[in-house]
C-alpha atoms as a PDB file:
ATOM      1  CA  UNK A   1    -104.855  62.055  31.130  1.00  0.00           C
ATOM      2  CA  UNK A   2    -102.984  61.748  27.830  1.00  0.00           C
ATOM      3  CA  UNK A   3    -101.285  65.137  28.038  1.00  0.00           C
ATOM      4  CA  UNK A   4     -97.607  64.999  27.219  1.00  0.00           C
ATOM      5  CA  UNK A   5     -95.332  66.037  30.029  1.00  0.00           C
ATOM      6  CA  UNK A   6     -92.180  66.412  27.993  1.00  0.00           C
ATOM      7  CA  UNK A   7     -89.314  64.455  26.493  1.00  0.00           C
ATOM      8  CA  UNK A   8     -89.021  60.752  25.846  1.00  0.00           C
ATOM      9  CA  UNK A   9     -88.318  58.472  28.790  1.00  0.00           C
ATOM     10  CA  UNK A  10     -85.457  56.667  27.022  1.00  0.00           C
ATOM     11  CA  UNK A  11     -83.261  59.809  27.009  1.00  0.00           C
ATOM     12  CA  UNK A  12     -83.095  59.910  30.806  1.00  0.00           C
ATOM     13  CA  UNK A  13     -80.064  58.464  32.637  1.00  0.00           C
ATOM     14  CA  UNK A  14     -80.634  55.111  34.347  1.00  0.00           C
ATOM     15  CA  UNK A  15     -80.230  56.556  37.848  1.00  0.00           C
ATOM     16  CA  UNK A  16     -82.998  59.081  37.221  1.00  0.00           C
ATOM     17  CA  UNK A  17     -85.282  56.424  35.713  1.00  0.00           C
ATOM     18  CA  UNK A  18     -84.686  54.173  38.732  1.00  0.00           C
ATOM     19  CA  UNK A  19     -85.392  57.103  41.046  1.00  0.00           C
ATOM     20  CA  UNK A  20     -88.694  57.778  39.295  1.00  0.00           C
ATOM     21  CA  UNK A  21     -89.633  54.112  39.504  1.00  0.00           C
ATOM     22  CA  UNK A  22     -88.799  54.131  43.240  1.00  0.00           C
ATOM     23  CA  UNK A  23     -90.995  57.198  43.772  1.00  0.00           C
ATOM     24  CA  UNK A  24     -93.856  55.572  41.857  1.00  0.00           C
ATOM     25  CA  UNK A  25     -93.381  52.387  43.916  1.00  0.00           C
ATOM     26  CA  UNK A  26     -93.682  54.377  47.161  1.00  0.00           C
ATOM     27  CA  UNK A  27     -96.744  56.214  45.875  1.00  0.00           C
ATOM     28  CA  UNK A  28     -98.415  52.908  44.997  1.00  0.00           C
ATOM     29  CA  UNK A  29     -97.636  51.608  48.489  1.00  0.00           C
ATOM     30  CA  UNK A  30     -99.520  54.480  50.100  1.00  0.00           C
ATOM     31  CA  UNK A  31    -102.458  54.033  47.738  1.00  0.00           C
ATOM     32  CA  UNK A  32    -102.011  56.780  45.161  1.00  0.00           C
ATOM     33  CA  UNK A  33    -103.985  56.510  41.951  1.00  0.00           C
ATOM     34  CA  UNK A  34    -102.597  56.863  38.434  1.00  0.00           C
ATOM     35  CA  UNK A  35    -103.856  60.438  38.120  1.00  0.00           C
ATOM     36  CA  UNK A  36    -102.035  61.366  41.353  1.00  0.00           C
ATOM     37  CA  UNK A  37     -98.779  59.887  40.080  1.00  0.00           C
ATOM     38  CA  UNK A  38     -99.088  61.618  36.692  1.00  0.00           C
ATOM     39  CA  UNK A  39     -99.807  64.948  38.399  1.00  0.00           C
ATOM     40  CA  UNK A  40     -96.849  64.410  40.729  1.00  0.00           C
ATOM     41  CA  UNK A  41     -94.574  63.771  37.746  1.00  0.00           C
ATOM     42  CA  UNK A  42     -95.856  66.893  36.014  1.00  0.00           C
ATOM     43  CA  UNK A  43     -95.533  69.118  39.102  1.00  0.00           C
ATOM     44  CA  UNK A  44     -92.013  67.860  39.797  1.00  0.00           C
ATOM     45  CA  UNK A  45     -90.819  68.405  36.215  1.00  0.00           C
ATOM     46  CA  UNK A  46     -89.928  64.823  35.407  1.00  0.00           C
ATOM     47  CA  UNK A  47     -90.095  65.839  31.761  1.00  0.00           C
ATOM     48  CA  UNK A  48     -91.804  62.645  30.557  1.00  0.00           C
ATOM     49  CA  UNK A  49     -95.135  61.836  28.959  1.00  0.00           C
ATOM     50  CA  UNK A  50     -98.136  60.353  30.730  1.00  0.00           C
ATOM     51  CA  UNK A  51     -97.482  57.196  28.720  1.00  0.00           C
ATOM     52  CA  UNK A  52     -93.973  57.012  30.203  1.00  0.00           C
ATOM     53  CA  UNK A  53     -95.449  57.457  33.691  1.00  0.00           C
ATOM     54  CA  UNK A  54     -97.779  54.531  32.918  1.00  0.00           C
ATOM     55  CA  UNK A  55     -94.702  52.449  32.106  1.00  0.00           C
ATOM     56  CA  UNK A  56     -93.152  53.381  35.480  1.00  0.00           C
ATOM     57  CA  UNK A  57     -96.431  52.396  37.155  1.00  0.00           C
ATOM     58  CA  UNK A  58     -96.453  49.049  35.318  1.00  0.00           C
ATOM     59  CA  UNK A  59     -92.843  48.318  36.319  1.00  0.00           C
ATOM     60  CA  UNK A  60     -93.416  49.410  39.914  1.00  0.00           C
ATOM     61  CA  UNK A  61     -96.539  47.219  40.195  1.00  0.00           C
ATOM     62  CA  UNK A  62     -94.569  44.259  38.859  1.00  0.00           C
ATOM     63  CA  UNK A  63     -91.819  44.879  41.407  1.00  0.00           C
ATOM     64  CA  UNK A  64     -94.387  45.335  44.184  1.00  0.00           C
ATOM     65  CA  UNK A  65     -96.056  42.016  43.325  1.00  0.00           C
ATOM     66  CA  UNK A  66     -92.662  40.303  43.393  1.00  0.00           C
ATOM     67  CA  UNK A  67     -91.839  41.850  46.780  1.00  0.00           C
ATOM     68  CA  UNK A  68     -95.187  40.772  48.246  1.00  0.00           C
ATOM     69  CA  UNK A  69     -94.662  37.187  47.070  1.00  0.00           C
ATOM     70  CA  UNK A  70     -91.162  37.223  48.539  1.00  0.00           C
ATOM     71  CA  UNK A  71     -92.496  38.476  51.878  1.00  0.00           C
ATOM     72  CA  UNK A  72     -95.104  35.703  51.893  1.00  0.00           C
ATOM     73  CA  UNK A  73     -92.420  33.078  51.216  1.00  0.00           C
ATOM     74  CA  UNK A  74     -90.167  34.558  53.892  1.00  0.00           C
ATOM     75  CA  UNK A  75     -93.007  34.626  56.427  1.00  0.00           C
ATOM     76  CA  UNK A  76     -93.883  31.014  55.686  1.00  0.00           C
ATOM     77  CA  UNK A  77     -90.223  30.012  56.023  1.00  0.00           C
ATOM     78  CA  UNK A  78     -89.968  31.822  59.341  1.00  0.00           C
ATOM     79  CA  UNK A  79     -93.129  30.124  60.630  1.00  0.00           C
ATOM     80  CA  UNK A  80     -91.915  26.691  59.552  1.00  0.00           C
ATOM     81  CA  UNK A  81     -88.551  27.208  61.273  1.00  0.00           C
ATOM     82  CA  UNK A  82     -90.211  28.297  64.509  1.00  0.00           C
ATOM     83  CA  UNK A  83     -92.730  25.447  64.249  1.00  0.00           C
ATOM     84  CA  UNK A  84     -89.898  22.918  63.875  1.00  0.00           C
ATOM     85  CA  UNK A  85     -88.216  24.424  66.929  1.00  0.00           C
ATOM     86  CA  UNK A  86     -91.460  24.088  68.903  1.00  0.00           C
ATOM     87  CA  UNK A  87     -91.916  20.566  67.530  1.00  0.00           C
ATOM     88  CA  UNK A  88     -88.454  19.502  68.713  1.00  0.00           C
ATOM     89  CA  UNK A  89     -89.142  20.906  72.198  1.00  0.00           C
ATOM     90  CA  UNK A  90     -92.503  19.103  72.370  1.00  0.00           C
ATOM     91  CA  UNK A  91     -90.891  15.885  71.148  1.00  0.00           C
ATOM     92  CA  UNK A  92     -88.160  16.168  73.783  1.00  0.00           C
ATOM     93  CA  UNK A  93     -90.897  16.401  76.434  1.00  0.00           C
ATOM     94  CA  UNK A  94     -92.763  13.438  74.871  1.00  0.00           C
ATOM     95  CA  UNK A  95     -95.774  15.641  74.087  1.00  0.00           C
ATOM     96  CA  UNK A  96     -96.778  13.699  70.991  1.00  0.00           C
ATOM     97  CA  UNK A  97    -100.238  15.243  70.740  1.00  0.00           C
ATOM     98  CA  UNK A  98     -98.649  18.671  70.391  1.00  0.00           C
ATOM     99  CA  UNK A  99     -96.151  17.257  67.885  1.00  0.00           C
ATOM    100  CA  UNK A 100     -99.015  15.925  65.805  1.00  0.00           C
ATOM    101  CA  UNK A 101    -100.875  19.246  65.942  1.00  0.00           C
ATOM    102  CA  UNK A 102     -97.758  21.155  64.889  1.00  0.00           C
ATOM    103  CA  UNK A 103     -97.153  18.807  61.946  1.00  0.00           C
ATOM    104  CA  UNK A 104    -100.774  19.172  60.844  1.00  0.00           C
ATOM    105  CA  UNK A 105    -100.522  22.961  60.931  1.00  0.00           C
ATOM    106  CA  UNK A 106     -97.320  22.931  58.917  1.00  0.00           C
ATOM    107  CA  UNK A 107     -98.785  20.554  56.345  1.00  0.00           C
ATOM    108  CA  UNK A 108    -101.961  22.622  56.042  1.00  0.00           C
ATOM    109  CA  UNK A 109     -99.911  25.730  55.366  1.00  0.00           C
ATOM    110  CA  UNK A 110     -97.983  23.888  52.668  1.00  0.00           C
ATOM    111  CA  UNK A 111    -101.192  22.389  51.186  1.00  0.00           C
ATOM    112  CA  UNK A 112     -99.964  18.889  51.954  1.00  0.00           C
ATOM    113  CA  UNK A 113    -102.515  17.911  54.582  1.00  0.00           C
ATOM    114  CA  UNK A 114    -105.345  15.820  53.166  1.00  0.00           C
ATOM    115  CA  UNK A 115    -108.685  17.431  53.664  1.00  0.00           C
ATOM    116  CA  UNK A 116    -111.826  15.446  53.048  1.00  0.00           C
ATOM    117  CA  UNK A 117    -114.394  17.391  51.093  1.00  0.00           C
ATOM    118  CA  UNK A 118    -117.877  16.001  50.761  1.00  0.00           C
ATOM    119  CA  UNK A 119    -120.539  17.399  48.518  1.00  0.00           C
ATOM    120  CA  UNK A 120    -124.193  16.791  49.256  1.00  0.00           C
ATOM    121  CA  UNK A 121    -126.979  17.015  46.710  1.00  0.00           C
ATOM    122  CA  UNK A 122    -129.969  18.701  48.328  1.00  0.00           C
ATOM    123  CA  UNK A 123    -130.975  20.727  45.275  1.00  0.00           C
ATOM    124  CA  UNK A 124    -132.554  17.739  43.506  1.00  0.00           C
ATOM    125  CA  UNK A 125    -135.385  17.499  46.015  1.00  0.00           C
ATOM    126  CA  UNK A 126    -137.415  19.726  48.256  1.00  0.00           C
ATOM    127  CA  UNK A 127    -136.159  20.700  51.681  1.00  0.00           C
ATOM    128  CA  UNK A 128    -139.025  18.804  53.318  1.00  0.00           C
ATOM    129  CA  UNK A 129    -138.142  15.636  51.360  1.00  0.00           C
ATOM    130  CA  UNK A 130    -134.487  15.984  52.289  1.00  0.00           C
ATOM    131  CA  UNK A 131    -135.291  16.495  55.970  1.00  0.00           C
ATOM    132  CA  UNK A 132    -137.549  13.446  55.992  1.00  0.00           C
ATOM    133  CA  UNK A 133    -134.707  11.342  54.534  1.00  0.00           C
ATOM    134  CA  UNK A 134    -132.309  12.538  57.202  1.00  0.00           C
ATOM    135  CA  UNK A 135    -134.685  11.838  60.066  1.00  0.00           C
ATOM    136  CA  UNK A 136    -136.458   8.772  58.648  1.00  0.00           C
ATOM    137  CA  UNK A 137    -135.295   6.459  61.434  1.00  0.00           C
ATOM    138  CA  UNK A 138    -136.596   8.816  64.106  1.00  0.00           C
ATOM    139  CA  UNK A 139    -133.306   9.936  65.636  1.00  0.00           C
ATOM    140  CA  UNK A 140    -131.871  11.890  62.714  1.00  0.00           C
ATOM    141  CA  UNK A 141    -128.827   9.664  62.431  1.00  0.00           C
ATOM    142  CA  UNK A 142    -129.383   8.429  58.887  1.00  0.00           C
ATOM    143  CA  UNK A 143    -126.440   9.589  56.749  1.00  0.00           C
ATOM    144  CA  UNK A 144    -126.967  12.058  53.938  1.00  0.00           C
ATOM    145  CA  UNK A 145    -126.380  10.627  50.464  1.00  0.00           C
ATOM    146  CA  UNK A 146    -123.126  11.822  48.918  1.00  0.00           C
ATOM    147  CA  UNK A 147    -122.648  12.776  45.284  1.00  0.00           C
ATOM    148  CA  UNK A 148    -120.475  10.419  43.271  1.00  0.00           C
END
């Protein structure tokens, strides 16, 4: 919808512009589409063009993305703090297996835990040929060849 809704956005006082951005932010949170936001602006006499509404949407989406990232960081921080508390209690009780498990979980969440990834090449031969390689010694314990 490229219909003009009124005056230029830059002539509005900052408090009104911030209020519009806050309303757009809330509408995005509940799942409103662009057309819904433009219609809302028109029906509520914001006195701005559809292009100006698009700018509010862009700014609100940017702010929303920032807020989501902040929430993720805060949640991770909260988990790590509680995990350290649990770790110290397990350590005090000499439950070293639990300590190790807690440390692994924390490192996995922070992408610091080494994970071994192996890739197998079964596309270069038929399934029957691959299966015969795996079970060639009769008990199926022959290792699969890894890609280098």
